[in-house]
PDB file of N, CA and C in Angstrom:
ATOM      1  N   MET A   1      10.288  21.637  -2.984  1.00  0.00           N
ATOM      2  CA  MET A   1       9.345  21.681  -4.023  1.00  0.00           C
ATOM      3  C   MET A   1       7.304  21.498  -3.902  1.00  0.00           C
ATOM      4  N   TYR A   2       7.329  20.602  -3.005  1.00  0.00           N
ATOM      5  CA  TYR A   2       5.880  20.754  -2.584  1.00  0.00           C
ATOM      6  C   TYR A   2       5.167  21.800  -2.126  1.00  0.00           C
ATOM      7  N   ILE A   3       6.193  23.035  -1.341  1.00  0.00           N
ATOM      8  CA  ILE A   3       5.248  24.010   0.015  1.00  0.00           C
ATOM      9  C   ILE A   3       5.644  25.381  -0.910  1.00  0.00           C
ATOM     10  N   TYR A   4       6.512  25.577  -1.544  1.00  0.00           N
ATOM     11  CA  TYR A   4       6.520  27.104  -2.198  1.00  0.00           C
ATOM     12  C   TYR A   4       6.516  26.795  -3.330  1.00  0.00           C
ATOM     13  N   SER A   5       6.089  26.301  -4.593  1.00  0.00           N
ATOM     14  CA  SER A   5       6.713  25.674  -5.944  1.00  0.00           C
ATOM     15  C   SER A   5       5.110  25.740  -6.152  1.00  0.00           C
ATOM     16  N   SER A   6       5.189  26.521  -7.120  1.00  0.00           N
ATOM     17  CA  SER A   6       3.834  25.932  -7.984  1.00  0.00           C
ATOM     18  C   SER A   6       2.725  24.934  -8.446  1.00  0.00           C
ATOM     19  N   LYS A   7       2.019  25.157  -9.285  1.00  0.00           N
ATOM     20  CA  LYS A   7       0.816  23.954  -9.268  1.00  0.00           C
ATOM     21  C   LYS A   7       2.053  22.231  -9.617  1.00  0.00           C
ATOM     22  N   LYS A   8       2.861  22.902 -10.778  1.00  0.00           N
ATOM     23  CA  LYS A   8       3.306  21.943 -11.944  1.00  0.00           C
ATOM     24  C   LYS A   8       4.115  21.042 -10.726  1.00  0.00           C
ATOM     25  N   GLN A   9       4.998  21.957 -10.241  1.00  0.00           N
ATOM     26  CA  GLN A   9       5.604  21.505  -9.064  1.00  0.00           C
ATOM     27  C   GLN A   9       5.051  20.364  -8.251  1.00  0.00           C
ATOM     28  N   LYS A  10       4.275  21.205  -7.173  1.00  0.00           N
ATOM     29  CA  LYS A  10       3.349  20.572  -6.476  1.00  0.00           C
ATOM     30  C   LYS A  10       3.306  18.899  -6.821  1.00  0.00           C
ATOM     31  N   LYS A  11       2.726  19.032  -8.526  1.00  0.00           N
ATOM     32  CA  LYS A  11       1.592  17.391  -9.164  1.00  0.00           C
ATOM     33  C   LYS A  11       3.135  16.559  -8.813  1.00  0.00           C
ATOM     34  N   THR A  12       4.453  17.245  -9.213  1.00  0.00           N
ATOM     35  CA  THR A  12       5.354  16.917  -9.798  1.00  0.00           C
ATOM     36  C   THR A  12       6.176  16.213  -8.070  1.00  0.00           C
ATOM     37  N   GLY A  13       6.107  16.697  -7.136  1.00  0.00           N
ATOM     38  CA  GLY A  13       6.104  16.064  -5.906  1.00  0.00           C
ATOM     39  C   GLY A  13       5.149  15.073  -5.665  1.00  0.00           C
ATOM     40  N   LEU A  14       4.209  15.313  -5.996  1.00  0.00           N
ATOM     41  CA  LEU A  14       3.042  13.708  -5.500  1.00  0.00           C
ATOM     42  C   LEU A  14       3.371  12.630  -6.493  1.00  0.00           C
ATOM     43  N   TRP A  15       3.896  13.497  -7.620  1.00  0.00           N
ATOM     44  CA  TRP A  15       4.098  12.007  -8.301  1.00  0.00           C
ATOM     45  C   TRP A  15       5.233  10.864  -8.162  1.00  0.00           C
ATOM     46  N   ILE A  16       6.511  12.529  -7.237  1.00  0.00           N
ATOM     47  CA  ILE A  16       8.210  11.272  -6.943  1.00  0.00           C
ATOM     48  C   ILE A  16       7.437  10.758  -5.665  1.00  0.00           C
ATOM     49  N   ASN A  17       6.397  11.062  -4.478  1.00  0.00           N
ATOM     50  CA  ASN A  17       6.343  10.140  -4.050  1.00  0.00           C
ATOM     51  C   ASN A  17       5.277   8.982  -3.709  1.00  0.00           C
ATOM     52  N   ARG A  18       4.233   9.107  -5.204  1.00  0.00           N
ATOM     53  CA  ARG A  18       4.193   8.111  -5.264  1.00  0.00           C
ATOM     54  C   ARG A  18       4.449   6.363  -5.678  1.00  0.00           C
ATOM     55  N   LYS A  19       5.703   7.394  -6.573  1.00  0.00           N
ATOM     56  CA  LYS A  19       6.707   6.371  -7.516  1.00  0.00           C
ATOM     57  C   LYS A  19       7.523   5.891  -6.457  1.00  0.00           C
ATOM     58  N   LEU A  20       8.127   6.280  -5.193  1.00  0.00           N
ATOM     59  CA  LEU A  20       9.045   6.054  -3.836  1.00  0.00           C
ATOM     60  C   LEU A  20       8.356   4.938  -3.407  1.00  0.00           C
ATOM     61  N   ASN A  21       6.851   5.497  -3.354  1.00  0.00           N
ATOM     62  CA  ASN A  21       5.760   4.690  -2.341  1.00  0.00           C
ATOM     63  C   ASN A  21       6.243   3.468  -3.271  1.00  0.00           C
ATOM     64  N   SER A  22       5.966   3.415  -4.579  1.00  0.00           N
ATOM     65  CA  SER A  22       5.829   1.890  -4.952  1.00  0.00           C
ATOM     66  C   SER A  22       6.511   1.544  -4.847  1.00  0.00           C
ATOM     67  N   LYS A  23       7.841   1.648  -5.314  1.00  0.00           N
ATOM     68  CA  LYS A  23       8.926   0.919  -5.547  1.00  0.00           C
ATOM     69  C   LYS A  23       9.669   0.373  -4.420  1.00  0.00           C
ATOM     70  N   PHE A  24      10.123   1.112  -3.577  1.00  0.00           N
ATOM     71  CA  PHE A  24      10.565   1.401  -2.233  1.00  0.00           C
ATOM     72  C   PHE A  24       9.918   1.180  -1.370  1.00  0.00           C
ATOM     73  N   GLY A  25       8.558   1.204  -0.928  1.00  0.00           N
ATOM     74  CA  GLY A  25       7.665   1.238   0.256  1.00  0.00           C
ATOM     75  C   GLY A  25       8.349   1.806   1.122  1.00  0.00           C
ATOM     76  N   ILE A  26       9.221   3.205   0.759  1.00  0.00           N
ATOM     77  CA  ILE A  26       8.837   4.390   1.982  1.00  0.00           C
ATOM     78  C   ILE A  26       8.068   5.541   1.507  1.00  0.00           C
ATOM     79  N   ASP A  27       7.947   6.698   2.485  1.00  0.00           N
ATOM     80  CA  ASP A  27       7.260   7.171   2.430  1.00  0.00           C
ATOM     81  C   ASP A  27       7.607   8.319   2.859  1.00  0.00           C
ATOM     82  N   ILE A  28       8.112   9.621   2.326  1.00  0.00           N
ATOM     83  CA  ILE A  28       9.179  10.824   2.186  1.00  0.00           C
ATOM     84  C   ILE A  28       7.538  11.786   2.479  1.00  0.00           C
ATOM     85  N   GLU A  29       7.461  12.566   3.635  1.00  0.00           N
ATOM     86  CA  GLU A  29       6.645  13.384   4.013  1.00  0.00           C
ATOM     87  C   GLU A  29       6.842  14.916   2.481  1.00  0.00           C
ATOM     88  N   LEU A  30       5.990  15.017   2.317  1.00  0.00           N
ATOM     89  CA  LEU A  30       6.057  16.288   0.620  1.00  0.00           C
ATOM     90  C   LEU A  30       6.928  17.708   1.521  1.00  0.00           C
ATOM     91  N   GLY A  31       6.589  17.919   2.792  1.00  0.00           N
ATOM     92  CA  GLY A  31       7.337  18.915   3.300  1.00  0.00           C
ATOM     93  C   GLY A  31       8.505  18.751   3.968  1.00  0.00           C
ATOM     94  N   ALA A  32       8.861  17.503   3.668  1.00  0.00           N
ATOM     95  CA  ALA A  32      10.367  16.941   3.862  1.00  0.00           C
ATOM     96  C   ALA A  32      11.450  17.592   3.617  1.00  0.00           C
ATOM     97  N   VAL A  33      12.241  18.140   3.944  1.00  0.00           N
ATOM     98  CA  VAL A  33      13.845  19.040   3.701  1.00  0.00           C
ATOM     99  C   VAL A  33      14.660  17.552   3.747  1.00  0.00           C
ATOM    100  N   ILE A  34      15.135  17.387   2.030  1.00  0.00           N
ATOM    101  CA  ILE A  34      16.267  15.888   2.096  1.00  0.00           C
ATOM    102  C   ILE A  34      17.574  16.490   2.364  1.00  0.00           C
ATOM    103  N   GLY A  35      17.975  16.067   2.867  1.00  0.00           N
ATOM    104  CA  GLY A  35      20.219  17.536   3.105  1.00  0.00           C
ATOM    105  C   GLY A  35      21.150  16.014   1.486  1.00  0.00           C
ATOM    106  N   TYR A  36      22.105  16.305   1.550  1.00  0.00           N
ATOM    107  CA  TYR A  36      23.373  15.978   1.144  1.00  0.00           C
ATOM    108  C   TYR A  36      23.144  14.371   1.731  1.00  0.00           C
ATOM    109  N   GLY A  37      23.615  13.410   0.414  1.00  0.00           N
ATOM    110  CA  GLY A  37      23.754  12.395   1.837  1.00  0.00           C
ATOM    111  C   GLY A  37      22.797  10.905   1.390  1.00  0.00           C
ATOM    112  N   LEU A  38      21.462  10.842   0.439  1.00  0.00           N
ATOM    113  CA  LEU A  38      20.463  10.458   0.939  1.00  0.00           C
ATOM    114  C   LEU A  38      20.799   9.434   0.679  1.00  0.00           C
ATOM    115  N   ASP A  39      20.827   8.395   1.222  1.00  0.00           N
ATOM    116  CA  ASP A  39      20.658   6.552   0.151  1.00  0.00           C
ATOM    117  C   ASP A  39      19.252   6.300   0.621  1.00  0.00           C
ATOM    118  N   ILE A  40      18.453   5.606  -0.289  1.00  0.00           N
ATOM    119  CA  ILE A  40      17.752   4.837  -0.845  1.00  0.00           C
ATOM    120  C   ILE A  40      18.295   3.738  -1.132  1.00  0.00           C
ATOM    121  N   PRO A  41      18.840   2.523   0.327  1.00  0.00           N
ATOM    122  CA  PRO A  41      18.949   1.513  -0.792  1.00  0.00           C
ATOM    123  C   PRO A  41      17.841   0.553  -0.842  1.00  0.00           C
ATOM    124  N   HIS A  42      17.746  -0.788  -2.139  1.00  0.00           N
ATOM    125  CA  HIS A  42      16.663  -1.059  -2.446  1.00  0.00           C
ATOM    126  C   HIS A  42      17.046  -2.364  -1.788  1.00  0.00           C
ATOM    127  N   HIS A  43      15.600  -3.071  -1.326  1.00  0.00           N
ATOM    128  CA  HIS A  43      15.297  -4.208  -0.334  1.00  0.00           C
ATOM    129  C   HIS A  43      15.054  -5.373  -1.582  1.00  0.00           C
ATOM    130  N   MET A  44      15.768  -6.185  -1.014  1.00  0.00           N
ATOM    131  CA  MET A  44      15.867  -7.374  -1.056  1.00  0.00           C
ATOM    132  C   MET A  44      14.442  -8.265  -1.235  1.00  0.00           C
ATOM    133  N   GLY A  45      13.585  -8.913  -2.398  1.00  0.00           N
ATOM    134  CA  GLY A  45      12.430  -9.906  -1.788  1.00  0.00           C
ATOM    135  C   GLY A  45      11.824  -9.815  -3.033  1.00  0.00           C
TER     136      GLY A  45
END
C-alpha cells in the first residue's frame, strides 16, 4: 500500500501504522510484505 500507491494510500498506510503502534505496541515497517496467516495477539496489561 505504501510503496507503489497513490498519495491517499500512502497516507492511509501511515495512519494504519500509527494505530497499530499505539494500540498493540508493535511497529510494522511501511514497506513490509505481510502474507497469509498474520496474527496480532492482544497483550494483557
